[in-house]
Structure formats: structure tokens, C-alpha cells
């Protein structure tokens, strides 16, 4: 199963590493940090654990509709579109 994080910061890294060890394929779109040094540090830590950013061509295909953990869309349109994108 795939998990895509929109924004990653240093507080999310332990969760990402745990999900990776459980067996999920984890990707991210953007590293959120105030300094370039901190961004590089986070990127290197994720890269060592084989967690890579999602290629930019897939970022544009990710649906931006109303899917969230607290209130999924009724017909799971976002979920279905994201599954199609990951399969290709």
C-alpha cells in the first residue's frame, strides 16, 4: 500500500519511518522547513531509509478534492483516482 505525505517536517519523520518498517511504500511531495540546511538534513535522513519524493509529474495528477482522514468523500473519488495514478 502507498502513502503520500504532502508536507514533511522533522516531527513527522518518526511516523514515516514507522510506516516504512510496517511495509508501506511512503512518498512525500515537499519538505517544510525554514532553512535550506534543515531541508537537506531531513532529505538525507529520508533518503537513507529509501523514502523518496514523489516525482513532480505525479504530483499534478493527485486529486485535490475533499478527501481527508476525518471526512472522506462519499463516493471515494479521490481514492479511486489516486489508486489509478499509482498503478500506472
N, C-alpha and C. Protein backbone atom coordinates (compact mmCIF):
# COMPACT_ATOMS: atom_id res chain seq x y z
N UNK A 1 0.84 -1.16 0.00
CA UNK A 1 0.00 0.00 0.00
C UNK A 1 0.89 1.24 0.00
N UNK A 2 0.43 2.29 -0.64
CA UNK A 2 1.18 3.53 -0.77
C UNK A 2 0.60 4.61 0.14
N UNK A 3 1.48 5.42 0.71
CA UNK A 3 1.07 6.59 1.48
C UNK A 3 1.86 7.77 0.95
N UNK A 4 1.15 8.87 0.68
CA UNK A 4 1.79 10.08 0.17
C UNK A 4 1.55 11.21 1.16
N UNK A 5 2.62 11.78 1.67
CA UNK A 5 2.54 12.93 2.56
C UNK A 5 2.72 14.19 1.72
N UNK A 6 1.89 15.18 1.95
CA UNK A 6 2.01 16.44 1.24
C UNK A 6 3.21 17.22 1.73
N UNK A 7 3.28 17.46 3.02
CA UNK A 7 4.37 18.21 3.63
C UNK A 7 5.02 17.38 4.71
N UNK A 8 6.33 17.39 4.73
CA UNK A 8 7.10 16.64 5.72
C UNK A 8 7.95 17.63 6.50
N UNK A 9 7.96 17.48 7.82
CA UNK A 9 8.89 18.24 8.65
C UNK A 9 9.54 17.29 9.64
N UNK A 10 10.39 17.80 10.50
CA UNK A 10 11.16 16.90 11.37
C UNK A 10 10.29 16.16 12.37
N UNK A 11 9.10 16.64 12.66
CA UNK A 11 8.22 15.96 13.61
C UNK A 11 7.51 14.76 13.00
N UNK A 12 7.44 14.70 11.70
CA UNK A 12 6.72 13.61 11.01
C UNK A 12 7.65 12.44 10.68
N UNK A 13 8.95 12.65 10.73
CA UNK A 13 9.92 11.62 10.35
C UNK A 13 9.73 10.31 11.13
N UNK A 14 9.55 10.34 12.46
CA UNK A 14 9.36 9.05 13.16
C UNK A 14 8.13 8.28 12.68
N UNK A 15 7.06 9.00 12.36
CA UNK A 15 5.85 8.34 11.85
C UNK A 15 6.12 7.72 10.49
N UNK A 16 6.82 8.45 9.64
CA UNK A 16 7.14 7.95 8.31
C UNK A 16 8.01 6.70 8.41
N UNK A 17 9.02 6.73 9.28
CA UNK A 17 9.90 5.57 9.44
C UNK A 17 9.14 4.37 9.97
N UNK A 18 8.21 4.60 10.89
CA UNK A 18 7.39 3.51 11.41
C UNK A 18 6.53 2.90 10.31
N UNK A 19 5.89 3.74 9.50
CA UNK A 19 5.07 3.24 8.40
C UNK A 19 5.91 2.46 7.40
N UNK A 20 7.12 2.91 7.15
CA UNK A 20 8.03 2.22 6.22
C UNK A 20 8.39 0.84 6.76
N UNK A 21 8.66 0.76 8.07
CA UNK A 21 9.00 -0.54 8.66
C UNK A 21 7.83 -1.51 8.68
N UNK A 22 6.62 -0.98 8.77
CA UNK A 22 5.43 -1.82 8.75
C UNK A 22 5.23 -2.43 7.36
N UNK A 23 5.70 -1.73 6.33
CA UNK A 23 5.59 -2.30 4.99
C UNK A 23 4.92 -1.40 3.97
N UNK A 24 4.61 -0.17 4.34
CA UNK A 24 4.01 0.76 3.40
C UNK A 24 5.07 1.35 2.50
N UNK A 25 4.69 1.70 1.29
CA UNK A 25 5.56 2.46 0.40
C UNK A 25 5.22 3.93 0.64
N UNK A 26 6.17 4.68 1.17
CA UNK A 26 5.92 6.06 1.60
C UNK A 26 6.61 7.04 0.66
N UNK A 27 5.88 8.06 0.24
CA UNK A 27 6.40 9.14 -0.59
C UNK A 27 6.02 10.47 0.04
N UNK A 28 6.70 11.54 -0.38
CA UNK A 28 6.32 12.87 0.07
C UNK A 28 6.46 13.84 -1.10
N UNK A 29 5.81 15.00 -0.96
CA UNK A 29 5.85 15.99 -2.02
C UNK A 29 6.80 17.14 -1.71
N UNK A 30 6.84 17.58 -0.46
CA UNK A 30 7.58 18.79 -0.13
C UNK A 30 8.10 18.70 1.31
N UNK A 31 9.31 19.20 1.54
CA UNK A 31 9.87 19.27 2.88
C UNK A 31 9.65 20.68 3.40
N UNK A 32 8.97 20.78 4.52
CA UNK A 32 8.64 22.07 5.11
C UNK A 32 9.67 22.42 6.18
N UNK A 33 10.44 23.48 5.95
CA UNK A 33 11.45 23.90 6.90
C UNK A 33 11.83 25.36 6.62
N UNK A 34 12.37 26.02 7.64
CA UNK A 34 12.75 27.43 7.49
C UNK A 34 14.11 27.61 6.84
N UNK A 35 14.98 26.62 6.95
CA UNK A 35 16.33 26.78 6.42
C UNK A 35 16.66 25.68 5.41
N UNK A 36 17.53 26.00 4.49
CA UNK A 36 17.97 25.03 3.49
C UNK A 36 18.76 23.91 4.16
N UNK A 37 19.55 24.26 5.17
CA UNK A 37 20.32 23.25 5.90
C UNK A 37 19.40 22.19 6.52
N UNK A 38 18.32 22.63 7.15
CA UNK A 38 17.37 21.70 7.78
C UNK A 38 16.67 20.85 6.71
N UNK A 39 16.31 21.45 5.56
CA UNK A 39 15.69 20.69 4.48
C UNK A 39 16.62 19.59 3.98
N UNK A 40 17.90 19.92 3.81
CA UNK A 40 18.87 18.93 3.35
C UNK A 40 19.06 17.83 4.38
N UNK A 41 19.06 18.17 5.64
CA UNK A 41 19.21 17.19 6.71
C UNK A 41 18.04 16.19 6.71
N UNK A 42 16.83 16.73 6.57
CA UNK A 42 15.64 15.87 6.52
C UNK A 42 15.65 15.01 5.27
N UNK A 43 15.99 15.60 4.14
CA UNK A 43 16.03 14.86 2.87
C UNK A 43 17.05 13.72 2.93
N UNK A 44 18.22 13.98 3.51
CA UNK A 44 19.24 12.93 3.63
C UNK A 44 18.78 11.80 4.54
N UNK A 45 18.13 12.15 5.64
CA UNK A 45 17.64 11.12 6.56
C UNK A 45 16.58 10.24 5.88
N UNK A 46 15.68 10.86 5.13
CA UNK A 46 14.66 10.09 4.42
C UNK A 46 15.28 9.25 3.31
N UNK A 47 16.26 9.80 2.62
CA UNK A 47 16.90 9.08 1.52
C UNK A 47 17.64 7.84 2.02
N UNK A 48 18.26 7.94 3.19
CA UNK A 48 18.96 6.79 3.78
C UNK A 48 18.00 5.65 4.08
N UNK A 49 16.74 5.99 4.35
CA UNK A 49 15.72 4.98 4.64
C UNK A 49 14.88 4.63 3.42
N UNK A 50 15.37 4.99 2.23
CA UNK A 50 14.72 4.67 0.96
C UNK A 50 13.32 5.27 0.85
N UNK A 51 13.17 6.50 1.35
CA UNK A 51 11.92 7.25 1.21
C UNK A 51 12.24 8.43 0.31
N UNK A 52 11.61 8.44 -0.86
CA UNK A 52 11.95 9.44 -1.87
C UNK A 52 10.76 10.35 -2.14
N UNK A 53 11.03 11.55 -2.67
CA UNK A 53 9.91 12.43 -3.04
C UNK A 53 9.17 11.86 -4.24
N UNK A 54 7.90 12.13 -4.28
CA UNK A 54 7.09 11.70 -5.42
C UNK A 54 7.50 12.53 -6.63
N UNK A 55 7.75 11.90 -7.77
CA UNK A 55 8.13 12.67 -8.96
C UNK A 55 7.08 13.73 -9.30
N UNK A 56 7.53 14.86 -9.76
CA UNK A 56 6.66 16.01 -10.00
C UNK A 56 5.56 15.72 -11.01
N UNK A 57 5.79 14.82 -11.96
CA UNK A 57 4.74 14.53 -12.94
C UNK A 57 3.54 13.85 -12.28
N UNK A 58 3.76 13.13 -11.18
CA UNK A 58 2.64 12.51 -10.47
C UNK A 58 1.95 13.50 -9.55
N UNK A 59 2.67 14.49 -9.07
CA UNK A 59 2.09 15.48 -8.15
C UNK A 59 0.91 16.18 -8.79
N UNK A 60 1.00 16.46 -10.09
CA UNK A 60 -0.08 17.16 -10.78
C UNK A 60 -1.31 16.28 -10.93
N UNK A 61 -1.15 14.96 -10.92
CA UNK A 61 -2.27 14.05 -11.10
C UNK A 61 -3.01 13.73 -9.80
N UNK A 62 -2.44 14.10 -8.67
CA UNK A 62 -3.08 13.78 -7.40
C UNK A 62 -4.30 14.66 -7.23
N UNK A 63 -5.39 14.04 -6.96
CA UNK A 63 -6.66 14.74 -6.83
C UNK A 63 -6.66 15.63 -5.59
N UNK A 64 -7.19 16.83 -5.71
CA UNK A 64 -7.25 17.78 -4.60
C UNK A 64 -8.66 17.91 -4.05
N UNK A 65 -9.50 16.92 -4.21
CA UNK A 65 -10.88 17.02 -3.73
C UNK A 65 -10.94 16.81 -2.22
N UNK A 66 -12.09 16.63 -1.69
CA UNK A 66 -12.33 16.71 -0.25
C UNK A 66 -12.04 15.42 0.50
N UNK A 67 -10.99 14.74 0.21
CA UNK A 67 -10.66 13.52 0.95
C UNK A 67 -9.75 13.86 2.12
N UNK A 68 -10.10 13.38 3.28
CA UNK A 68 -9.24 13.53 4.45
C UNK A 68 -9.51 12.37 5.38
N UNK A 69 -8.69 12.23 6.40
CA UNK A 69 -8.88 11.14 7.36
C UNK A 69 -10.14 11.34 8.19
N UNK A 70 -10.59 12.58 8.32
CA UNK A 70 -11.73 12.87 9.18
C UNK A 70 -13.05 12.90 8.45
N UNK A 71 -13.03 13.07 7.15
CA UNK A 71 -14.28 13.12 6.41
C UNK A 71 -14.08 12.74 4.96
N UNK A 72 -14.00 11.43 4.66
CA UNK A 72 -13.78 11.03 3.27
C UNK A 72 -14.96 11.39 2.39
N UNK A 73 -14.69 11.60 1.11
CA UNK A 73 -15.78 11.89 0.19
C UNK A 73 -16.67 10.66 0.05
N UNK A 74 -17.91 10.90 -0.24
CA UNK A 74 -18.91 9.84 -0.22
C UNK A 74 -18.63 8.72 -1.22
N UNK A 75 -18.23 9.06 -2.43
CA UNK A 75 -18.01 8.06 -3.46
C UNK A 75 -16.55 7.65 -3.59
N UNK A 76 -15.69 8.14 -2.71
CA UNK A 76 -14.26 7.86 -2.72
C UNK A 76 -13.62 8.17 -4.07
N UNK A 77 -14.00 9.28 -4.66
CA UNK A 77 -13.48 9.68 -5.96
C UNK A 77 -11.98 9.93 -5.88
N UNK A 78 -11.54 10.64 -4.86
CA UNK A 78 -10.10 10.93 -4.71
C UNK A 78 -9.31 9.65 -4.57
N UNK A 79 -9.80 8.76 -3.74
CA UNK A 79 -9.11 7.49 -3.51
C UNK A 79 -8.96 6.71 -4.80
N UNK A 80 -10.03 6.61 -5.58
CA UNK A 80 -10.01 5.85 -6.83
C UNK A 80 -9.04 6.47 -7.85
N UNK A 81 -9.02 7.81 -7.92
CA UNK A 81 -8.12 8.48 -8.86
C UNK A 81 -6.67 8.26 -8.44
N UNK A 82 -6.39 8.33 -7.14
CA UNK A 82 -5.03 8.13 -6.66
C UNK A 82 -4.58 6.69 -6.87
N UNK A 83 -5.45 5.72 -6.71
CA UNK A 83 -5.11 4.31 -6.96
C UNK A 83 -4.77 4.12 -8.44
N UNK A 84 -5.55 4.72 -9.34
CA UNK A 84 -5.25 4.61 -10.77
C UNK A 84 -3.88 5.20 -11.09
N UNK A 85 -3.57 6.34 -10.46
CA UNK A 85 -2.30 7.01 -10.71
C UNK A 85 -1.13 6.17 -10.22
N UNK A 86 -1.26 5.53 -9.07
CA UNK A 86 -0.17 4.73 -8.51
C UNK A 86 0.05 3.45 -9.30
N UNK A 87 -1.02 2.85 -9.84
CA UNK A 87 -0.91 1.61 -10.60
C UNK A 87 -0.15 1.81 -11.91
N UNK A 88 -0.21 3.00 -12.48
CA UNK A 88 0.45 3.22 -13.77
C UNK A 88 1.88 3.63 -13.60
